[in-house]
Amino acid sequence: MLKFLLTQKTAEWATSALVLVSAGIAGHQAALGMTQAQLMGAATAILGSVMAAVMVRLWPDDKKIPIRVRVRKDD
């Protein structure tokens, strides 16, 4: 079960949900009224969650990449 929780697809869904929730909460609070400092903090939270989603998407997998190495045999 733990293997399912730590897959790439789960991380992508979790970070997309984080972006959606943080943007929704920030938008709702902005509609109710926010100061400029609170609005900038909310924008920073949204940008941070977007950055996390991009990192999960672009971060390299743990798959081993085969490397070809030339070996010289000296006599």
N, C-alpha and C. Protein backbone atom coordinates (compact mmCIF):
# COMPACT_ATOMS: atom_id res chain seq x y z
N MET A 1 0.81 -1.19 0.00
CA MET A 1 0.00 0.00 0.00
C MET A 1 0.85 1.25 0.00
N LEU A 2 1.98 1.20 0.70
CA LEU A 2 2.85 2.37 0.76
C LEU A 2 3.47 2.66 -0.61
N LYS A 3 3.67 1.60 -1.39
CA LYS A 3 4.23 1.79 -2.72
C LYS A 3 3.28 2.60 -3.60
N PHE A 4 1.98 2.40 -3.44
CA PHE A 4 1.00 3.15 -4.21
C PHE A 4 1.01 4.62 -3.81
N LEU A 5 1.20 4.91 -2.53
CA LEU A 5 1.16 6.29 -2.07
C LEU A 5 2.36 7.09 -2.55
N LEU A 6 3.43 6.44 -2.89
CA LEU A 6 4.65 7.14 -3.26
C LEU A 6 4.95 7.10 -4.76
N THR A 7 3.94 6.90 -5.58
CA THR A 7 4.17 6.84 -7.01
C THR A 7 4.20 8.25 -7.60
N GLN A 8 4.69 8.35 -8.81
CA GLN A 8 4.78 9.63 -9.51
C GLN A 8 3.39 10.20 -9.79
N LYS A 9 2.48 9.32 -10.19
CA LYS A 9 1.13 9.77 -10.53
C LYS A 9 0.40 10.32 -9.30
N THR A 10 0.60 9.69 -8.15
CA THR A 10 -0.01 10.18 -6.92
C THR A 10 0.54 11.55 -6.54
N ALA A 11 1.83 11.73 -6.71
CA ALA A 11 2.45 13.03 -6.41
C ALA A 11 1.93 14.11 -7.35
N GLU A 12 1.72 13.77 -8.61
CA GLU A 12 1.18 14.75 -9.55
C GLU A 12 -0.25 15.15 -9.18
N TRP A 13 -1.07 14.16 -8.81
CA TRP A 13 -2.44 14.47 -8.41
C TRP A 13 -2.47 15.29 -7.12
N ALA A 14 -1.60 14.95 -6.18
CA ALA A 14 -1.57 15.66 -4.91
C ALA A 14 -1.15 17.12 -5.09
N THR A 15 -0.15 17.37 -5.91
CA THR A 15 0.28 18.75 -6.11
C THR A 15 -0.73 19.54 -6.93
N SER A 16 -1.42 18.88 -7.86
CA SER A 16 -2.47 19.62 -8.59
C SER A 16 -3.63 19.95 -7.66
N ALA A 17 -3.93 19.07 -6.72
CA ALA A 17 -4.97 19.38 -5.73
C ALA A 17 -4.51 20.51 -4.81
N LEU A 18 -3.22 20.55 -4.49
CA LEU A 18 -2.68 21.62 -3.67
C LEU A 18 -2.82 22.97 -4.36
N VAL A 19 -2.53 23.01 -5.66
CA VAL A 19 -2.69 24.25 -6.43
C VAL A 19 -4.15 24.68 -6.45
N LEU A 20 -5.04 23.74 -6.69
CA LEU A 20 -6.46 24.06 -6.76
C LEU A 20 -6.99 24.57 -5.42
N VAL A 21 -6.62 23.91 -4.34
CA VAL A 21 -7.11 24.31 -3.02
C VAL A 21 -6.53 25.66 -2.60
N SER A 22 -5.23 25.85 -2.81
CA SER A 22 -4.64 27.13 -2.40
C SER A 22 -5.18 28.29 -3.22
N ALA A 23 -5.41 28.09 -4.51
CA ALA A 23 -5.98 29.16 -5.33
C ALA A 23 -7.44 29.41 -4.95
N GLY A 24 -8.17 28.36 -4.65
CA GLY A 24 -9.57 28.53 -4.25
C GLY A 24 -9.72 29.27 -2.94
N ILE A 25 -8.91 28.90 -1.96
CA ILE A 25 -8.98 29.57 -0.67
C ILE A 25 -8.54 31.03 -0.79
N ALA A 26 -7.47 31.26 -1.55
CA ALA A 26 -6.99 32.64 -1.72
C ALA A 26 -8.03 33.48 -2.47
N GLY A 27 -8.65 32.92 -3.48
CA GLY A 27 -9.67 33.67 -4.22
C GLY A 27 -10.89 33.96 -3.38
N HIS A 28 -11.28 33.01 -2.57
CA HIS A 28 -12.44 33.22 -1.70
C HIS A 28 -12.15 34.30 -0.66
N GLN A 29 -10.98 34.24 -0.06
CA GLN A 29 -10.63 35.25 0.94
C GLN A 29 -10.43 36.63 0.30
N ALA A 30 -9.93 36.66 -0.93
CA ALA A 30 -9.77 37.94 -1.63
C ALA A 30 -11.13 38.55 -1.95
N ALA A 31 -12.11 37.71 -2.24
CA ALA A 31 -13.46 38.21 -2.52
C ALA A 31 -14.10 38.79 -1.26
N LEU A 32 -13.76 38.23 -0.11
CA LEU A 32 -14.30 38.74 1.15
C LEU A 32 -13.62 40.03 1.59
N GLY A 33 -12.40 40.23 1.13
CA GLY A 33 -11.66 41.44 1.48
C GLY A 33 -10.34 41.11 2.15
N MET A 34 -9.28 41.59 1.55
CA MET A 34 -7.94 41.35 2.08
C MET A 34 -7.14 42.65 1.99
N THR A 35 -6.17 42.76 2.88
CA THR A 35 -5.24 43.87 2.74
C THR A 35 -4.23 43.52 1.66
N GLN A 36 -3.41 44.49 1.29
CA GLN A 36 -2.45 44.24 0.23
C GLN A 36 -1.39 43.23 0.67
N ALA A 37 -1.00 43.28 1.94
CA ALA A 37 0.00 42.34 2.44
C ALA A 37 -0.57 40.91 2.45
N GLN A 38 -1.82 40.76 2.83
CA GLN A 38 -2.44 39.44 2.81
C GLN A 38 -2.59 38.91 1.39
N LEU A 39 -2.90 39.80 0.47
CA LEU A 39 -3.03 39.41 -0.93
C LEU A 39 -1.69 38.95 -1.51
N MET A 40 -0.62 39.63 -1.15
CA MET A 40 0.70 39.22 -1.62
C MET A 40 1.12 37.89 -1.00
N GLY A 41 0.75 37.66 0.24
CA GLY A 41 1.02 36.36 0.87
C GLY A 41 0.26 35.25 0.20
N ALA A 42 -0.98 35.51 -0.17
CA ALA A 42 -1.78 34.50 -0.87
C ALA A 42 -1.20 34.21 -2.25
N ALA A 43 -0.76 35.25 -2.93
CA ALA A 43 -0.14 35.04 -4.26
C ALA A 43 1.15 34.24 -4.13
N THR A 44 1.90 34.49 -3.07
CA THR A 44 3.13 33.72 -2.83
C THR A 44 2.81 32.26 -2.56
N ALA A 45 1.74 32.00 -1.82
CA ALA A 45 1.34 30.62 -1.55
C ALA A 45 0.92 29.90 -2.83
N ILE A 46 0.21 30.61 -3.69
CA ILE A 46 -0.21 30.00 -4.96
C ILE A 46 1.01 29.72 -5.83
N LEU A 47 1.92 30.67 -5.93
CA LEU A 47 3.13 30.46 -6.73
C LEU A 47 3.99 29.34 -6.16
N GLY A 48 4.04 29.21 -4.84
CA GLY A 48 4.79 28.11 -4.22
C GLY A 48 4.18 26.76 -4.55
N SER A 49 2.87 26.67 -4.54
CA SER A 49 2.24 25.39 -4.87
C SER A 49 2.38 25.06 -6.35
N VAL A 50 2.36 26.07 -7.20
CA VAL A 50 2.61 25.84 -8.63
C VAL A 50 4.05 25.38 -8.85
N MET A 51 4.98 25.98 -8.11
CA MET A 51 6.38 25.57 -8.22
C MET A 51 6.55 24.12 -7.77
N ALA A 52 5.86 23.71 -6.72
CA ALA A 52 5.94 22.32 -6.27
C ALA A 52 5.38 21.38 -7.33
N ALA A 53 4.29 21.77 -7.98
CA ALA A 53 3.71 20.94 -9.03
C ALA A 53 4.65 20.81 -10.22
N VAL A 54 5.32 21.89 -10.58
CA VAL A 54 6.26 21.84 -11.69
C VAL A 54 7.47 20.98 -11.34
N MET A 55 7.95 21.08 -10.10
CA MET A 55 9.09 20.25 -9.69
C MET A 55 8.74 18.77 -9.70
N VAL A 56 7.54 18.42 -9.27
CA VAL A 56 7.14 17.02 -9.29
C VAL A 56 7.05 16.53 -10.72
N ARG A 57 6.59 17.38 -11.60
CA ARG A 57 6.44 17.00 -13.01
C ARG A 57 7.79 16.83 -13.71
N LEU A 58 8.75 17.67 -13.40
CA LEU A 58 10.02 17.67 -14.12
C LEU A 58 11.15 16.96 -13.40
N TRP A 59 10.95 16.61 -12.14
CA TRP A 59 12.02 15.98 -11.37
C TRP A 59 12.34 14.61 -11.95
N PRO A 60 13.61 14.23 -12.04
CA PRO A 60 13.94 12.94 -12.64
C PRO A 60 13.46 11.77 -11.78
N ASP A 61 13.13 10.68 -12.45
CA ASP A 61 12.70 9.48 -11.76
C ASP A 61 13.91 8.77 -11.14
N ASP A 62 13.62 7.75 -10.36
CA ASP A 62 14.68 6.96 -9.76
C ASP A 62 15.15 5.84 -10.68
N LYS A 63 14.65 5.85 -11.90
CA LYS A 63 15.04 4.80 -12.84
C LYS A 63 16.52 4.94 -13.17
N LYS A 64 17.15 3.80 -13.27
CA LYS A 64 18.57 3.80 -13.62
C LYS A 64 18.73 4.00 -15.12
N ILE A 65 19.52 4.96 -15.50
CA ILE A 65 19.78 5.22 -16.90
C ILE A 65 21.03 4.43 -17.29
N PRO A 66 20.92 3.56 -18.29
CA PRO A 66 22.10 2.78 -18.67
C PRO A 66 23.20 3.69 -19.24
N ILE A 67 24.39 3.48 -18.76
CA ILE A 67 25.53 4.28 -19.19
C ILE A 67 26.50 3.36 -19.93
N ARG A 68 26.87 3.78 -21.11
CA ARG A 68 27.84 3.00 -21.87
C ARG A 68 29.23 3.54 -21.59
N VAL A 69 30.12 2.65 -21.18
CA VAL A 69 31.48 3.05 -20.84
C VAL A 69 32.44 2.24 -21.69
N ARG A 70 33.38 2.91 -22.29
CA ARG A 70 34.41 2.22 -23.06
C ARG A 70 35.54 1.82 -22.12
N VAL A 71 35.94 0.58 -22.22
CA VAL A 71 37.01 0.07 -21.39
C VAL A 71 38.19 -0.23 -22.29
N ARG A 72 39.33 0.39 -21.93
CA ARG A 72 40.56 0.10 -22.69
C ARG A 72 41.35 -0.96 -21.95
N LYS A 73 41.77 -1.94 -22.68
CA LYS A 73 42.57 -2.99 -22.08
C LYS A 73 44.02 -2.78 -22.52
N ASP A 74 44.83 -2.39 -21.58
CA ASP A 74 46.26 -2.20 -21.86
C ASP A 74 47.00 -3.51 -21.60
N ASP A 75 47.85 -3.91 -22.53
CA ASP A 75 48.63 -5.15 -22.36
C ASP A 75 49.91 -4.88 -21.67
